[in-house]
Amino acid sequence: MSGHSKWSTIKHKKAATDARRGQLFTKIAREIIVAARGGADPETNFRLRLAIQTGKAANMPNDNIDRAIAKGSGTAGDGIELEEITYEGYGPGGTAIMVQTLTDNKNRTASDVRQMFSRAGGTLAAAGAVSWGFSNSGVILVETSAGDSEEVALEAVDMGAEDFDIEGNSIEFKASFTDFEPLKMALEAMDGVEVVSADLAMVPATLVELDDAKAKQTLRLLDTLEELDDVQKVFSNADFPDEALAEYAEAD
């Protein structure tokens, strides 16, 4: 598994810890609110359905999910106005970084994001500066029974997976928007396979290898960006060395 995929796996596990769960619930709720603008019925609203599934996978209380749907659809009477803005920039070592946000104050958000880049020795860039190097894709992370990873991966390719990355019992699959949900459902139905996470992501076409020092700087930048209240997701094209990832995994 590439250093980039390992980072995604570690990041997901850290987000699920008790210390970060409150912030995770807030971000999921904001996604549900925006998704519910397209309709309160998850059966006919794919984005809402995916957001609800993400919330349930994170053990988010049903009451929280229902309140977020009501706010987004306007039935709660206290709807919140959130604007979707994606920022682009360069991190240490010239890595490309995409920052997806939901905000009720774009001036505040732009200032916060710019400050995080500057502190880390990076720069906020103009729209289109790095987005050309990313594509929208479905990303599914699964855990398999011991020794089954290769077999599961090959079966998944037959079911629509475009690419996969294996590390022990963990497999990260990539799929087109069209094949994403059918593949997720097929994996969930397989014996000995647990779907750990499934989401839409911005996947880099190529990766930039970083030395240990630049990798640690970049990991800190990505973490501080994700800790901002208005930031929903952060993507990069960084390929991290194992030593930097091991230290990152142990950090709080």
C-alpha atoms as a PDB file:
ATOM      1  CA  MET A   1       0.000   0.000   0.000  1.00  0.00           C
ATOM      2  CA  SER A   2       1.356   3.437  -0.925  1.00  0.00           C
ATOM      3  CA  GLY A   3       2.225   5.997   1.721  1.00  0.00           C
ATOM      4  CA  HIS A   4      -0.683   8.068   0.442  1.00  0.00           C
ATOM      5  CA  SER A   5      -3.194   5.250   1.024  1.00  0.00           C
ATOM      6  CA  LYS A   6      -1.688   4.450   4.422  1.00  0.00           C
ATOM      7  CA  TRP A   7      -2.195   8.079   5.432  1.00  0.00           C
ATOM      8  CA  SER A   8      -5.880   7.865   4.486  1.00  0.00           C
ATOM      9  CA  THR A   9      -6.277   4.700   6.563  1.00  0.00           C
ATOM     10  CA  ILE A  10      -4.534   6.140   9.630  1.00  0.00           C
ATOM     11  CA  LYS A  11      -6.485   9.390   9.335  1.00  0.00           C
ATOM     12  CA  HIS A  12      -9.810   7.527   9.341  1.00  0.00           C
ATOM     13  CA  LYS A  13      -8.863   5.533  12.445  1.00  0.00           C
ATOM     14  CA  LYS A  14      -7.738   8.665  14.304  1.00  0.00           C
ATOM     15  CA  ALA A  15     -10.971  10.490  13.461  1.00  0.00           C
ATOM     16  CA  ALA A  16     -12.960   7.703  15.122  1.00  0.00           C
ATOM     17  CA  THR A  17     -11.213   8.060  18.492  1.00  0.00           C
ATOM     18  CA  ASP A  18     -13.163   9.486  21.430  1.00  0.00           C
ATOM     19  CA  ALA A  19     -11.043  12.645  21.481  1.00  0.00           C
ATOM     20  CA  ARG A  20     -12.035  13.551  17.905  1.00  0.00           C
ATOM     21  CA  ARG A  21     -15.528  12.054  17.689  1.00  0.00           C
ATOM     22  CA  GLY A  22     -17.328  15.272  18.646  1.00  0.00           C
ATOM     23  CA  GLN A  23     -15.679  17.182  15.814  1.00  0.00           C
ATOM     24  CA  LEU A  24     -16.356  14.287  13.437  1.00  0.00           C
ATOM     25  CA  PHE A  25     -20.068  14.363  14.316  1.00  0.00           C
ATOM     26  CA  THR A  26     -20.166  18.114  13.664  1.00  0.00           C
ATOM     27  CA  LYS A  27     -18.613  17.710  10.216  1.00  0.00           C
ATOM     28  CA  ILE A  28     -20.975  14.865   9.314  1.00  0.00           C
ATOM     29  CA  ALA A  29     -23.966  16.902  10.506  1.00  0.00           C
ATOM     30  CA  ARG A  30     -22.947  19.807   8.292  1.00  0.00           C
ATOM     31  CA  GLU A  31     -22.642  17.470   5.298  1.00  0.00           C
ATOM     32  CA  ILE A  32     -26.110  16.058   6.032  1.00  0.00           C
ATOM     33  CA  ILE A  33     -27.549  19.587   6.261  1.00  0.00           C
ATOM     34  CA  VAL A  34     -26.188  20.546   2.840  1.00  0.00           C
ATOM     35  CA  ALA A  35     -27.093  17.202   1.292  1.00  0.00           C
ATOM     36  CA  ALA A  36     -30.679  17.488   2.566  1.00  0.00           C
ATOM     37  CA  ARG A  37     -31.158  20.625   0.471  1.00  0.00           C
ATOM     38  CA  GLY A  38     -31.562  18.230  -2.433  1.00  0.00           C
ATOM     39  CA  GLY A  39     -34.440  16.468  -0.700  1.00  0.00           C
ATOM     40  CA  ALA A  40     -35.038  14.858   2.679  1.00  0.00           C
ATOM     41  CA  ASP A  41     -35.588  11.349   1.299  1.00  0.00           C
ATOM     42  CA  PRO A  42     -32.314   9.373   1.238  1.00  0.00           C
ATOM     43  CA  GLU A  43     -33.820   6.868  -1.186  1.00  0.00           C
ATOM     44  CA  THR A  44     -33.867   9.513  -3.919  1.00  0.00           C
ATOM     45  CA  ASN A  45     -30.929  11.635  -2.708  1.00  0.00           C
ATOM     46  CA  PHE A  46     -27.607   9.814  -3.113  1.00  0.00           C
ATOM     47  CA  ARG A  47     -25.525  12.458  -1.358  1.00  0.00           C
ATOM     48  CA  LEU A  48     -27.834  12.421   1.661  1.00  0.00           C
ATOM     49  CA  ARG A  49     -27.892   8.628   1.701  1.00  0.00           C
ATOM     50  CA  LEU A  50     -24.090   8.513   1.732  1.00  0.00           C
ATOM     51  CA  ALA A  51     -23.870  11.156   4.478  1.00  0.00           C
ATOM     52  CA  ILE A  52     -26.340   9.241   6.650  1.00  0.00           C
ATOM     53  CA  GLN A  53     -24.395   6.015   6.112  1.00  0.00           C
ATOM     54  CA  THR A  54     -21.206   7.819   7.142  1.00  0.00           C
ATOM     55  CA  GLY A  55     -22.906   9.070  10.294  1.00  0.00           C
ATOM     56  CA  LYS A  56     -24.191   5.643  11.237  1.00  0.00           C
ATOM     57  CA  ALA A  57     -20.789   4.062  10.585  1.00  0.00           C
ATOM     58  CA  ALA A  58     -19.319   6.595  13.044  1.00  0.00           C
ATOM     59  CA  ASN A  59     -22.010   5.704  15.632  1.00  0.00           C
ATOM     60  CA  MET A  60     -23.592   9.128  15.348  1.00  0.00           C
ATOM     61  CA  PRO A  61     -26.894   9.215  17.319  1.00  0.00           C
ATOM     62  CA  ASN A  62     -30.026   8.974  15.166  1.00  0.00           C
ATOM     63  CA  ASP A  63     -31.427  12.127  16.802  1.00  0.00           C
ATOM     64  CA  ASN A  64     -28.416  14.090  15.546  1.00  0.00           C
ATOM     65  CA  ILE A  65     -28.925  12.736  12.040  1.00  0.00           C
ATOM     66  CA  ASP A  66     -32.651  13.542  12.055  1.00  0.00           C
ATOM     67  CA  ARG A  67     -32.038  17.100  13.308  1.00  0.00           C
ATOM     68  CA  ALA A  68     -29.473  17.722  10.578  1.00  0.00           C
ATOM     69  CA  ILE A  69     -31.886  16.480   7.897  1.00  0.00           C
ATOM     70  CA  ALA A  70     -34.619  18.741   9.274  1.00  0.00           C
ATOM     71  CA  LYS A  71     -32.303  21.759   9.249  1.00  0.00           C
ATOM     72  CA  GLY A  72     -31.154  21.119   5.711  1.00  0.00           C
ATOM     73  CA  SER A  73     -34.616  20.467   4.304  1.00  0.00           C
ATOM     74  CA  GLY A  74     -36.088  23.480   6.110  1.00  0.00           C
ATOM     75  CA  THR A  75     -38.607  21.520   8.175  1.00  0.00           C
ATOM     76  CA  ALA A  76     -36.913  22.503  11.432  1.00  0.00           C
ATOM     77  CA  GLY A  77     -37.556  26.191  10.860  1.00  0.00           C
ATOM     78  CA  ASP A  78     -33.975  27.099  11.802  1.00  0.00           C
ATOM     79  CA  GLY A  79     -32.110  26.280   8.618  1.00  0.00           C
ATOM     80  CA  ILE A  80     -28.448  27.244   8.452  1.00  0.00           C
ATOM     81  CA  GLU A  81     -26.919  28.817   5.345  1.00  0.00           C
ATOM     82  CA  LEU A  82     -23.742  26.990   4.411  1.00  0.00           C
ATOM     83  CA  GLU A  83     -21.673  27.648   1.287  1.00  0.00           C
ATOM     84  CA  GLU A  84     -19.451  25.005  -0.306  1.00  0.00           C
ATOM     85  CA  ILE A  85     -15.991  26.318  -1.193  1.00  0.00           C
ATOM     86  CA  THR A  86     -12.903  24.352  -2.233  1.00  0.00           C
ATOM     87  CA  TYR A  87      -9.472  25.880  -1.679  1.00  0.00           C
ATOM     88  CA  GLU A  88      -6.294  24.833  -3.463  1.00  0.00           C
ATOM     89  CA  GLY A  89      -2.723  25.201  -2.356  1.00  0.00           C
ATOM     90  CA  TYR A  90       0.826  23.919  -2.155  1.00  0.00           C
ATOM     91  CA  GLY A  91       2.345  22.318   0.915  1.00  0.00           C
ATOM     92  CA  PRO A  92       5.952  21.615   1.924  1.00  0.00           C
ATOM     93  CA  GLY A  93       7.884  19.931  -0.855  1.00  0.00           C
ATOM     94  CA  GLY A  94       5.489  21.275  -3.483  1.00  0.00           C
ATOM     95  CA  THR A  95       2.666  18.866  -2.671  1.00  0.00           C
ATOM     96  CA  ALA A  96      -0.751  19.741  -4.087  1.00  0.00           C
ATOM     97  CA  ILE A  97      -3.523  20.094  -1.492  1.00  0.00           C
ATOM     98  CA  MET A  98      -7.298  20.397  -1.908  1.00  0.00           C
ATOM     99  CA  VAL A  99      -9.403  21.674   1.005  1.00  0.00           C
ATOM    100  CA  GLN A 100     -13.179  21.222   0.880  1.00  0.00           C
ATOM    101  CA  THR A 101     -15.147  23.476   3.221  1.00  0.00           C
ATOM    102  CA  LEU A 102     -18.696  24.269   4.299  1.00  0.00           C
ATOM    103  CA  THR A 103     -18.952  27.755   5.737  1.00  0.00           C
ATOM    104  CA  ASP A 104     -21.367  30.435   6.849  1.00  0.00           C
ATOM    105  CA  ASN A 105     -18.592  33.052   6.594  1.00  0.00           C
ATOM    106  CA  LYS A 106     -16.279  32.639   3.604  1.00  0.00           C
ATOM    107  CA  ASN A 107     -14.008  35.511   4.639  1.00  0.00           C
ATOM    108  CA  ARG A 108     -13.299  33.841   7.981  1.00  0.00           C
ATOM    109  CA  THR A 109     -12.725  30.472   6.340  1.00  0.00           C
ATOM    110  CA  ALA A 110     -10.390  31.842   3.659  1.00  0.00           C
ATOM    111  CA  SER A 111      -8.365  33.636   6.327  1.00  0.00           C
ATOM    112  CA  ASP A 112      -8.106  30.520   8.502  1.00  0.00           C
ATOM    113  CA  VAL A 113      -7.075  28.270   5.606  1.00  0.00           C
ATOM    114  CA  ARG A 114      -4.521  30.793   4.313  1.00  0.00           C
ATOM    115  CA  GLN A 115      -3.025  31.109   7.792  1.00  0.00           C
ATOM    116  CA  MET A 116      -2.580  27.335   8.136  1.00  0.00           C
ATOM    117  CA  PHE A 117      -0.775  27.154   4.787  1.00  0.00           C
ATOM    118  CA  SER A 118       1.484  30.082   5.664  1.00  0.00           C
ATOM    119  CA  ARG A 119       2.439  28.692   9.065  1.00  0.00           C
ATOM    120  CA  ALA A 120       3.504  25.409   7.463  1.00  0.00           C
ATOM    121  CA  GLY A 121       5.589  27.043   4.752  1.00  0.00           C
ATOM    122  CA  GLY A 122       2.976  26.445   2.076  1.00  0.00           C
ATOM    123  CA  THR A 123       0.906  28.798  -0.048  1.00  0.00           C
ATOM    124  CA  LEU A 124      -2.762  29.155  -0.898  1.00  0.00           C
ATOM    125  CA  ALA A 125      -3.180  29.094  -4.685  1.00  0.00           C
ATOM    126  CA  ALA A 126      -5.747  30.289  -7.201  1.00  0.00           C
ATOM    127  CA  ALA A 127      -8.678  28.141  -8.278  1.00  0.00           C
ATOM    128  CA  GLY A 128      -7.536  25.558 -10.818  1.00  0.00           C
ATOM    129  CA  ALA A 129      -3.887  25.666  -9.786  1.00  0.00           C
ATOM    130  CA  VAL A 130      -3.802  22.062  -8.542  1.00  0.00           C
ATOM    131  CA  SER A 131      -7.316  20.660  -9.067  1.00  0.00           C
ATOM    132  CA  TRP A 132      -6.386  19.542 -12.598  1.00  0.00           C
ATOM    133  CA  GLY A 133      -4.256  16.832 -10.987  1.00  0.00           C
ATOM    134  CA  PHE A 134      -7.180  15.256  -9.112  1.00  0.00           C
ATOM    135  CA  SER A 135     -10.284  13.350 -10.159  1.00  0.00           C
ATOM    136  CA  ASN A 136     -13.495  12.598  -8.279  1.00  0.00           C
ATOM    137  CA  SER A 137     -13.717   8.959  -7.311  1.00  0.00           C
ATOM    138  CA  GLY A 138     -15.364   6.645  -4.827  1.00  0.00           C
ATOM    139  CA  VAL A 139     -12.938   5.291  -2.224  1.00  0.00           C
ATOM    140  CA  ILE A 140     -13.807   2.256  -0.111  1.00  0.00           C
ATOM    141  CA  LEU A 141     -11.619   0.927   2.708  1.00  0.00           C
ATOM    142  CA  VAL A 142     -12.203  -2.648   3.873  1.00  0.00           C
ATOM    143  CA  GLU A 143     -10.692  -5.096   6.348  1.00  0.00           C
ATOM    144  CA  THR A 144     -10.564  -8.759   5.323  1.00  0.00           C
ATOM    145  CA  SER A 145     -10.063 -12.086   7.047  1.00  0.00           C
ATOM    146  CA  ALA A 146      -6.440 -13.201   7.302  1.00  0.00           C
ATOM    147  CA  GLY A 147      -5.035 -14.280   3.962  1.00  0.00           C
ATOM    148  CA  ASP A 148      -8.071 -13.291   1.901  1.00  0.00           C
ATOM    149  CA  SER A 149      -7.002  -9.844   0.698  1.00  0.00           C
ATOM    150  CA  GLU A 150      -5.766 -10.807  -2.763  1.00  0.00           C
ATOM    151  CA  GLU A 151      -8.842 -12.920  -3.483  1.00  0.00           C
ATOM    152  CA  VAL A 152     -11.208 -10.188  -2.287  1.00  0.00           C
ATOM    153  CA  ALA A 153      -9.394  -7.582  -4.383  1.00  0.00           C
ATOM    154  CA  LEU A 154      -9.675  -9.626  -7.563  1.00  0.00           C
ATOM    155  CA  GLU A 155     -13.373 -10.279  -6.955  1.00  0.00           C
ATOM    156  CA  ALA A 156     -13.917  -6.559  -6.410  1.00  0.00           C
ATOM    157  CA  VAL A 157     -12.335  -5.764  -9.773  1.00  0.00           C
ATOM    158  CA  ASP A 158     -14.941  -7.991 -11.394  1.00  0.00           C
ATOM    159  CA  MET A 159     -17.602  -6.033  -9.470  1.00  0.00           C
ATOM    160  CA  GLY A 160     -16.475  -2.607 -10.685  1.00  0.00           C
ATOM    161  CA  ALA A 161     -13.372  -1.591  -8.736  1.00  0.00           C
ATOM    162  CA  GLU A 162     -11.005   0.405 -10.952  1.00  0.00           C
ATOM    163  CA  ASP A 163      -7.959   0.079  -8.710  1.00  0.00           C
ATOM    164  CA  PHE A 164      -6.924  -1.291  -5.323  1.00  0.00           C
ATOM    165  CA  ASP A 165      -4.108  -0.996  -2.818  1.00  0.00           C
ATOM    166  CA  ILE A 166      -3.380  -3.782  -0.294  1.00  0.00           C
ATOM    167  CA  GLU A 167      -1.618  -3.542   3.080  1.00  0.00           C
ATOM    168  CA  GLY A 168      -1.959  -6.709   5.140  1.00  0.00           C
ATOM    169  CA  ASN A 169      -5.667  -7.257   5.757  1.00  0.00           C
ATOM    170  CA  SER A 170      -6.598  -3.740   4.610  1.00  0.00           C
ATOM    171  CA  ILE A 171      -7.624  -2.926   1.046  1.00  0.00           C
ATOM    172  CA  GLU A 172      -8.401   0.492  -0.397  1.00  0.00           C
ATOM    173  CA  PHE A 173     -10.576   0.362  -3.513  1.00  0.00           C
ATOM    174  CA  LYS A 174     -11.267   3.115  -6.019  1.00  0.00           C
ATOM    175  CA  ALA A 175     -14.375   3.131  -8.197  1.00  0.00           C
ATOM    176  CA  SER A 176     -16.195   5.466 -10.556  1.00  0.00           C
ATOM    177  CA  PHE A 177     -19.147   7.469  -9.275  1.00  0.00           C
ATOM    178  CA  THR A 178     -21.481   5.081 -11.126  1.00  0.00           C
ATOM    179  CA  ASP A 179     -19.942   1.897  -9.709  1.00  0.00           C
ATOM    180  CA  PHE A 180     -19.244   3.228  -6.207  1.00  0.00           C
ATOM    181  CA  GLU A 181     -22.502   2.346  -4.439  1.00  0.00           C
ATOM    182  CA  PRO A 182     -23.036  -1.048  -6.154  1.00  0.00           C
ATOM    183  CA  LEU A 183     -19.443  -2.004  -5.287  1.00  0.00           C
ATOM    184  CA  LYS A 184     -19.907  -0.916  -1.672  1.00  0.00           C
ATOM    185  CA  MET A 185     -23.061  -3.019  -1.359  1.00  0.00           C
ATOM    186  CA  ALA A 186     -21.356  -6.027  -2.956  1.00  0.00           C
ATOM    187  CA  LEU A 187     -18.401  -5.770  -0.561  1.00  0.00           C
ATOM    188  CA  GLU A 188     -20.744  -5.476   2.421  1.00  0.00           C
ATOM    189  CA  ALA A 189     -22.406  -8.726   1.342  1.00  0.00           C
ATOM    190  CA  MET A 190     -19.120 -10.659   1.137  1.00  0.00           C
ATOM    191  CA  ASP A 191     -18.199 -13.053   3.948  1.00  0.00           C
ATOM    192  CA  GLY A 192     -15.111 -12.064   5.902  1.00  0.00           C
ATOM    193  CA  VAL A 193     -15.141  -8.476   4.631  1.00  0.00           C
ATOM    194  CA  GLU A 194     -15.850  -5.392   6.760  1.00  0.00           C
ATOM    195  CA  VAL A 195     -16.382  -2.052   5.040  1.00  0.00           C
ATOM    196  CA  VAL A 196     -14.548   0.399   7.304  1.00  0.00           C
ATOM    197  CA  SER A 197     -15.325   3.548   5.315  1.00  0.00           C
ATOM    198  CA  ALA A 198     -16.813   4.553   1.975  1.00  0.00           C
ATOM    199  CA  ASP A 199     -16.815   8.083   0.642  1.00  0.00           C
ATOM    200  CA  LEU A 200     -16.325  10.259  -2.408  1.00  0.00           C
ATOM    201  CA  ALA A 201     -12.841  11.690  -2.654  1.00  0.00           C
ATOM    202  CA  MET A 202     -10.504  13.707  -4.844  1.00  0.00           C
ATOM    203  CA  VAL A 203      -7.878  11.213  -5.968  1.00  0.00           C
ATOM    204  CA  PRO A 204      -4.502  12.447  -7.283  1.00  0.00           C
ATOM    205  CA  ALA A 205      -3.351  11.243 -10.700  1.00  0.00           C
ATOM    206  CA  THR A 206       0.278  11.090  -9.560  1.00  0.00           C
ATOM    207  CA  LEU A 207       2.001  11.183  -6.175  1.00  0.00           C
ATOM    208  CA  VAL A 208       4.878  13.320  -4.913  1.00  0.00           C
ATOM    209  CA  GLU A 209       7.405  11.443  -2.776  1.00  0.00           C
ATOM    210  CA  LEU A 210       8.534  13.373   0.295  1.00  0.00           C
ATOM    211  CA  ASP A 211      11.585  12.989   2.490  1.00  0.00           C
ATOM    212  CA  ASP A 212      11.018  12.435   6.201  1.00  0.00           C
ATOM    213  CA  ALA A 213      11.276  16.101   7.204  1.00  0.00           C
ATOM    214  CA  LYS A 214       8.915  17.388   4.498  1.00  0.00           C
ATOM    215  CA  ALA A 215       6.537  14.506   5.182  1.00  0.00           C
ATOM    216  CA  LYS A 216       6.235  15.417   8.860  1.00  0.00           C
ATOM    217  CA  GLN A 217       5.644  19.074   7.968  1.00  0.00           C
ATOM    218  CA  THR A 218       2.971  18.104   5.457  1.00  0.00           C
ATOM    219  CA  LEU A 219       1.227  15.729   7.869  1.00  0.00           C
ATOM    220  CA  ARG A 220       1.056  18.511  10.463  1.00  0.00           C
ATOM    221  CA  LEU A 221      -0.397  20.885   7.866  1.00  0.00           C
ATOM    222  CA  LEU A 222      -3.049  18.390   6.760  1.00  0.00           C
ATOM    223  CA  ASP A 223      -3.997  17.755  10.386  1.00  0.00           C
ATOM    224  CA  THR A 224      -4.274  21.440  11.280  1.00  0.00           C
ATOM    225  CA  LEU A 225      -6.405  22.076   8.201  1.00  0.00           C
ATOM    226  CA  GLU A 226      -8.774  19.247   9.112  1.00  0.00           C
ATOM    227  CA  GLU A 227      -9.071  20.589  12.654  1.00  0.00           C
ATOM    228  CA  LEU A 228     -10.597  23.833  11.354  1.00  0.00           C
ATOM    229  CA  ASP A 229     -14.333  23.874  12.058  1.00  0.00           C
ATOM    230  CA  ASP A 230     -15.254  24.870   8.490  1.00  0.00           C
ATOM    231  CA  VAL A 231     -13.110  22.219   6.795  1.00  0.00           C
ATOM    232  CA  GLN A 232     -14.861  19.016   5.756  1.00  0.00           C
ATOM    233  CA  LYS A 233     -12.186  17.085   3.854  1.00  0.00           C
ATOM    234  CA  VAL A 234      -8.551  17.511   2.878  1.00  0.00           C
ATOM    235  CA  PHE A 235      -6.822  15.730  -0.010  1.00  0.00           C
ATOM    236  CA  SER A 236      -3.213  15.770  -1.174  1.00  0.00           C
ATOM    237  CA  ASN A 237      -0.894  14.059  -3.638  1.00  0.00           C
ATOM    238  CA  ALA A 238       1.779  13.403  -1.020  1.00  0.00           C
ATOM    239  CA  ASP A 239       3.378   9.965  -0.750  1.00  0.00           C
ATOM    240  CA  PHE A 240       4.652   9.576   2.809  1.00  0.00           C
ATOM    241  CA  PRO A 241       7.585   7.426   4.005  1.00  0.00           C
ATOM    242  CA  ASP A 242       6.826   4.730   6.589  1.00  0.00           C
ATOM    243  CA  GLU A 243       8.840   6.377   9.374  1.00  0.00           C
ATOM    244  CA  ALA A 244       6.838   9.611   9.204  1.00  0.00           C
ATOM    245  CA  LEU A 245       3.553   7.686   9.071  1.00  0.00           C
ATOM    246  CA  ALA A 246       4.495   5.582  12.097  1.00  0.00           C
ATOM    247  CA  GLU A 247       5.146   8.731  14.117  1.00  0.00           C
ATOM    248  CA  TYR A 248       1.909  10.283  12.851  1.00  0.00           C
ATOM    249  CA  ALA A 249      -0.094   7.187  13.847  1.00  0.00           C
ATOM    250  CA  GLU A 250       1.219   7.385  17.413  1.00  0.00           C
ATOM    251  CA  ALA A 251       0.566  11.116  17.828  1.00  0.00           C
ATOM    252  CA  ASP A 252      -2.624  12.321  19.537  1.00  0.00           C
END
